[in-house]
Amino acid sequence: MPVTLAIESPLQDEVRTLIAELNTTLLELSPPEACYHLTVEEMAEPTVTVWVARDGDAVVGCGALKRHSDAVGEVKRMFTRPEWQGQGVGRRILGEIEAAAGREGLQTLVLETGDQHPAAWALYEKAGFARCGPVLDYPDSPYSIFYQKQLRAA
């Protein structure tokens, strides 16, 4: 069965479980003070849209777009369960985030990821994101890698 993507509420039990797995993974790689998680409640705020990837009923991945202004959006909570990594799930989620940002007229997408995530770096770089200095209100940290991408207006 092909993986499907849809905008869904993060407040569902199976999405909460996925986000808990993401948080556990991130805390194994970075100290807590260097992890900038949105909670599922924050992910449910009106400024955030969440895409959920499913194989049938099973949740296999997610990603979110958080809007900071009329011009800037942030890619957040990108995660694919390990058994699904390498199959294009993250690439598809990122594509949906970028397409939505473009339709909304956002000019720039930014993100923060950890210094121990080379697979994430490859995903973002293949999608045209470029490394940059700290974005938004993130501190300059040796545990963080920052990216941005300029979008064309819709």
C-alpha atoms as a PDB file:
ATOM      1  CA  MET A   1       0.000   0.000   0.000  1.00  0.00           C
ATOM      2  CA  PRO A   2       1.452   3.404  -0.920  1.00  0.00           C
ATOM      3  CA  VAL A   3       2.186   5.952   1.783  1.00  0.00           C
ATOM      4  CA  THR A   4      -0.394   8.745   1.890  1.00  0.00           C
ATOM      5  CA  LEU A   5       0.080  12.295   3.169  1.00  0.00           C
ATOM      6  CA  ALA A   6      -2.615  14.466   4.691  1.00  0.00           C
ATOM      7  CA  ILE A   7      -2.985  17.480   6.936  1.00  0.00           C
ATOM      8  CA  GLU A   8      -4.072  16.095  10.298  1.00  0.00           C
ATOM      9  CA  SER A   9      -4.392  17.092  13.920  1.00  0.00           C
ATOM     10  CA  PRO A  10      -1.315  16.314  16.016  1.00  0.00           C
ATOM     11  CA  LEU A  11      -3.602  15.668  18.986  1.00  0.00           C
ATOM     12  CA  GLN A  12      -4.394  12.109  17.858  1.00  0.00           C
ATOM     13  CA  ASP A  13      -2.928   9.364  20.031  1.00  0.00           C
ATOM     14  CA  GLU A  14      -0.901   7.804  17.209  1.00  0.00           C
ATOM     15  CA  VAL A  15       0.609  11.191  16.279  1.00  0.00           C
ATOM     16  CA  ARG A  16       1.401  11.890  19.934  1.00  0.00           C
ATOM     17  CA  THR A  17       3.222   8.542  20.023  1.00  0.00           C
ATOM     18  CA  LEU A  18       5.203   9.444  16.895  1.00  0.00           C
ATOM     19  CA  ILE A  19       6.197  12.818  18.377  1.00  0.00           C
ATOM     20  CA  ALA A  20       7.280  11.086  21.606  1.00  0.00           C
ATOM     21  CA  GLU A  21       9.519   8.809  19.493  1.00  0.00           C
ATOM     22  CA  LEU A  22      10.950  11.865  17.738  1.00  0.00           C
ATOM     23  CA  ASN A  23      11.666  13.566  21.066  1.00  0.00           C
ATOM     24  CA  THR A  24      13.395  10.446  22.415  1.00  0.00           C
ATOM     25  CA  THR A  25      15.545  10.220  19.286  1.00  0.00           C
ATOM     26  CA  LEU A  26      16.537  13.888  19.477  1.00  0.00           C
ATOM     27  CA  LEU A  27      17.387  13.704  23.182  1.00  0.00           C
ATOM     28  CA  GLU A  28      19.729  10.795  22.465  1.00  0.00           C
ATOM     29  CA  LEU A  29      21.711  13.046  20.100  1.00  0.00           C
ATOM     30  CA  SER A  30      21.613  16.492  21.732  1.00  0.00           C
ATOM     31  CA  PRO A  31      21.425  17.861  25.267  1.00  0.00           C
ATOM     32  CA  PRO A  32      17.937  18.957  26.376  1.00  0.00           C
ATOM     33  CA  GLU A  33      18.852  22.647  26.314  1.00  0.00           C
ATOM     34  CA  ALA A  34      19.697  22.279  22.595  1.00  0.00           C
ATOM     35  CA  CYS A  35      16.356  20.678  21.645  1.00  0.00           C
ATOM     36  CA  TYR A  36      13.719  23.141  20.491  1.00  0.00           C
ATOM     37  CA  HIS A  37      10.632  20.952  20.362  1.00  0.00           C
ATOM     38  CA  LEU A  38       7.115  22.075  19.655  1.00  0.00           C
ATOM     39  CA  THR A  39       4.732  20.120  21.856  1.00  0.00           C
ATOM     40  CA  VAL A  40       1.753  18.481  20.183  1.00  0.00           C
ATOM     41  CA  GLU A  41      -0.395  21.210  21.762  1.00  0.00           C
ATOM     42  CA  GLU A  42       1.810  23.891  20.149  1.00  0.00           C
ATOM     43  CA  MET A  43       1.619  21.959  16.880  1.00  0.00           C
ATOM     44  CA  ALA A  44      -2.185  22.282  17.065  1.00  0.00           C
ATOM     45  CA  GLU A  45      -2.062  26.104  17.148  1.00  0.00           C
ATOM     46  CA  PRO A  46      -3.550  27.989  14.160  1.00  0.00           C
ATOM     47  CA  THR A  47      -0.109  29.148  12.936  1.00  0.00           C
ATOM     48  CA  VAL A  48       1.021  25.527  12.444  1.00  0.00           C
ATOM     49  CA  THR A  49      -0.006  22.963   9.836  1.00  0.00           C
ATOM     50  CA  VAL A  50       0.961  19.314  10.342  1.00  0.00           C
ATOM     51  CA  TRP A  51       1.300  16.696   7.602  1.00  0.00           C
ATOM     52  CA  VAL A  52       1.078  13.059   8.630  1.00  0.00           C
ATOM     53  CA  ALA A  53       2.354  10.192   6.486  1.00  0.00           C
ATOM     54  CA  ARG A  54       0.498   6.899   6.788  1.00  0.00           C
ATOM     55  CA  ASP A  55       0.844   3.398   5.460  1.00  0.00           C
ATOM     56  CA  GLY A  56      -2.773   2.336   5.733  1.00  0.00           C
ATOM     57  CA  ASP A  57      -3.712   3.292   9.287  1.00  0.00           C
ATOM     58  CA  ALA A  58      -0.119   3.235  10.570  1.00  0.00           C
ATOM     59  CA  VAL A  59       1.534   6.623  11.121  1.00  0.00           C
ATOM     60  CA  VAL A  60       5.028   6.507   9.619  1.00  0.00           C
ATOM     61  CA  GLY A  61       6.128  10.141   9.545  1.00  0.00           C
ATOM     62  CA  CYS A  62       5.280  13.789   9.989  1.00  0.00           C
ATOM     63  CA  GLY A  63       6.393  17.353   9.405  1.00  0.00           C
ATOM     64  CA  ALA A  64       5.017  20.797  10.102  1.00  0.00           C
ATOM     65  CA  LEU A  65       4.999  24.359   8.817  1.00  0.00           C
ATOM     66  CA  LYS A  66       5.022  27.068  11.490  1.00  0.00           C
ATOM     67  CA  ARG A  67       4.308  30.570  10.267  1.00  0.00           C
ATOM     68  CA  HIS A  68       6.251  33.363  11.953  1.00  0.00           C
ATOM     69  CA  SER A  69       5.092  36.237   9.746  1.00  0.00           C
ATOM     70  CA  ASP A  70       3.545  36.883   6.367  1.00  0.00           C
ATOM     71  CA  ALA A  71       7.003  36.319   4.877  1.00  0.00           C
ATOM     72  CA  VAL A  72       8.727  33.615   6.965  1.00  0.00           C
ATOM     73  CA  GLY A  73       7.785  30.025   7.683  1.00  0.00           C
ATOM     74  CA  GLU A  74       9.686  27.390   9.613  1.00  0.00           C
ATOM     75  CA  VAL A  75       9.971  23.672   8.909  1.00  0.00           C
ATOM     76  CA  LYS A  76       9.401  21.816  12.196  1.00  0.00           C
ATOM     77  CA  ARG A  77       9.012  18.297  13.601  1.00  0.00           C
ATOM     78  CA  MET A  78      10.276  16.427  10.521  1.00  0.00           C
ATOM     79  CA  PHE A  79      10.463  12.727  11.361  1.00  0.00           C
ATOM     80  CA  THR A  80      10.147   9.400   9.619  1.00  0.00           C
ATOM     81  CA  ARG A  81      10.138   6.172  11.599  1.00  0.00           C
ATOM     82  CA  PRO A  82      13.426   4.312  11.044  1.00  0.00           C
ATOM     83  CA  GLU A  83      11.877   1.418   9.112  1.00  0.00           C
ATOM     84  CA  TRP A  84      10.493   3.933   6.581  1.00  0.00           C
ATOM     85  CA  GLN A  85      13.604   6.091   6.188  1.00  0.00           C
ATOM     86  CA  GLY A  86      15.204   6.112   2.766  1.00  0.00           C
ATOM     87  CA  GLN A  87      11.881   5.602   0.968  1.00  0.00           C
ATOM     88  CA  GLY A  88      11.133   9.239   0.152  1.00  0.00           C
ATOM     89  CA  VAL A  89       8.648   9.911   2.954  1.00  0.00           C
ATOM     90  CA  GLY A  90      10.580  12.896   4.320  1.00  0.00           C
ATOM     91  CA  ARG A  91      11.137  14.292   0.826  1.00  0.00           C
ATOM     92  CA  ARG A  92       7.394  14.131   0.137  1.00  0.00           C
ATOM     93  CA  ILE A  93       6.494  15.802   3.448  1.00  0.00           C
ATOM     94  CA  LEU A  94       9.049  18.557   2.852  1.00  0.00           C
ATOM     95  CA  GLY A  95       7.619  19.049  -0.641  1.00  0.00           C
ATOM     96  CA  GLU A  96       4.118  19.505   0.793  1.00  0.00           C
ATOM     97  CA  ILE A  97       5.424  22.030   3.334  1.00  0.00           C
ATOM     98  CA  GLU A  98       7.236  23.991   0.642  1.00  0.00           C
ATOM     99  CA  ALA A  99       4.242  23.919  -1.709  1.00  0.00           C
ATOM    100  CA  ALA A 100       1.912  25.208   1.026  1.00  0.00           C
ATOM    101  CA  ALA A 101       4.370  27.965   1.959  1.00  0.00           C
ATOM    102  CA  GLY A 102       4.576  28.999  -1.681  1.00  0.00           C
ATOM    103  CA  ARG A 103       0.793  29.053  -2.096  1.00  0.00           C
ATOM    104  CA  GLU A 104       0.541  31.265   0.975  1.00  0.00           C
ATOM    105  CA  GLY A 105       3.098  33.701  -0.439  1.00  0.00           C
ATOM    106  CA  LEU A 106       5.773  33.078   2.168  1.00  0.00           C
ATOM    107  CA  GLN A 107       9.124  34.337   0.896  1.00  0.00           C
ATOM    108  CA  THR A 108      11.503  32.315   3.067  1.00  0.00           C
ATOM    109  CA  LEU A 109      11.536  28.925   4.759  1.00  0.00           C
ATOM    110  CA  VAL A 110      13.974  28.387   7.625  1.00  0.00           C
ATOM    111  CA  LEU A 111      14.792  25.538   9.947  1.00  0.00           C
ATOM    112  CA  GLU A 112      17.019  24.406  12.784  1.00  0.00           C
ATOM    113  CA  THR A 113      18.307  20.858  12.986  1.00  0.00           C
ATOM    114  CA  GLY A 114      20.873  19.087  15.107  1.00  0.00           C
ATOM    115  CA  ASP A 115      24.580  18.700  14.540  1.00  0.00           C
ATOM    116  CA  GLN A 116      24.193  14.892  14.522  1.00  0.00           C
ATOM    117  CA  HIS A 117      21.666  14.569  11.678  1.00  0.00           C
ATOM    118  CA  PRO A 118      23.521  14.061   8.358  1.00  0.00           C
ATOM    119  CA  ALA A 119      20.490  12.379   6.740  1.00  0.00           C
ATOM    120  CA  ALA A 120      18.426  15.487   7.509  1.00  0.00           C
ATOM    121  CA  TRP A 121      21.145  17.750   6.108  1.00  0.00           C
ATOM    122  CA  ALA A 122      21.142  15.734   2.879  1.00  0.00           C
ATOM    123  CA  LEU A 123      17.334  15.969   2.617  1.00  0.00           C
ATOM    124  CA  TYR A 124      17.320  19.738   3.074  1.00  0.00           C
ATOM    125  CA  GLU A 125      20.285  20.360   0.789  1.00  0.00           C
ATOM    126  CA  LYS A 126      18.793  18.217  -2.006  1.00  0.00           C
ATOM    127  CA  ALA A 127      15.627  20.311  -1.661  1.00  0.00           C
ATOM    128  CA  GLY A 128      17.600  23.520  -2.217  1.00  0.00           C
ATOM    129  CA  PHE A 129      18.045  24.713   1.352  1.00  0.00           C
ATOM    130  CA  ALA A 130      21.357  26.428   2.140  1.00  0.00           C
ATOM    131  CA  ARG A 131      23.158  26.500   5.460  1.00  0.00           C
ATOM    132  CA  CYS A 132      23.090  29.850   7.179  1.00  0.00           C
ATOM    133  CA  GLY A 133      23.624  31.461  10.553  1.00  0.00           C
ATOM    134  CA  PRO A 134      21.065  31.328  13.368  1.00  0.00           C
ATOM    135  CA  VAL A 135      17.482  31.994  12.309  1.00  0.00           C
ATOM    136  CA  LEU A 136      14.521  33.479  14.162  1.00  0.00           C
ATOM    137  CA  ASP A 137      15.277  33.596  17.881  1.00  0.00           C
ATOM    138  CA  TYR A 138      17.436  30.467  18.064  1.00  0.00           C
ATOM    139  CA  PRO A 139      20.738  30.897  19.878  1.00  0.00           C
ATOM    140  CA  ASP A 140      24.016  30.282  18.077  1.00  0.00           C
ATOM    141  CA  SER A 141      24.836  26.818  19.395  1.00  0.00           C
ATOM    142  CA  PRO A 142      27.408  24.175  18.477  1.00  0.00           C
ATOM    143  CA  TYR A 143      24.528  21.664  18.561  1.00  0.00           C
ATOM    144  CA  SER A 144      22.487  23.438  15.867  1.00  0.00           C
ATOM    145  CA  ILE A 145      22.688  23.631  12.094  1.00  0.00           C
ATOM    146  CA  PHE A 146      20.509  26.242  10.392  1.00  0.00           C
ATOM    147  CA  TYR A 147      19.084  26.313   6.886  1.00  0.00           C
ATOM    148  CA  GLN A 148      17.052  28.699   4.772  1.00  0.00           C
ATOM    149  CA  LYS A 149      15.463  28.686   1.361  1.00  0.00           C
ATOM    150  CA  GLN A 150      14.110  31.614  -0.601  1.00  0.00           C
ATOM    151  CA  LEU A 151      10.767  30.852  -2.225  1.00  0.00           C
ATOM    152  CA  ARG A 152       9.187  32.398  -5.269  1.00  0.00           C
ATOM    153  CA  ALA A 153       6.002  34.302  -4.606  1.00  0.00           C
ATOM    154  CA  ALA A 154       2.873  32.368  -5.588  1.00  0.00           C
END
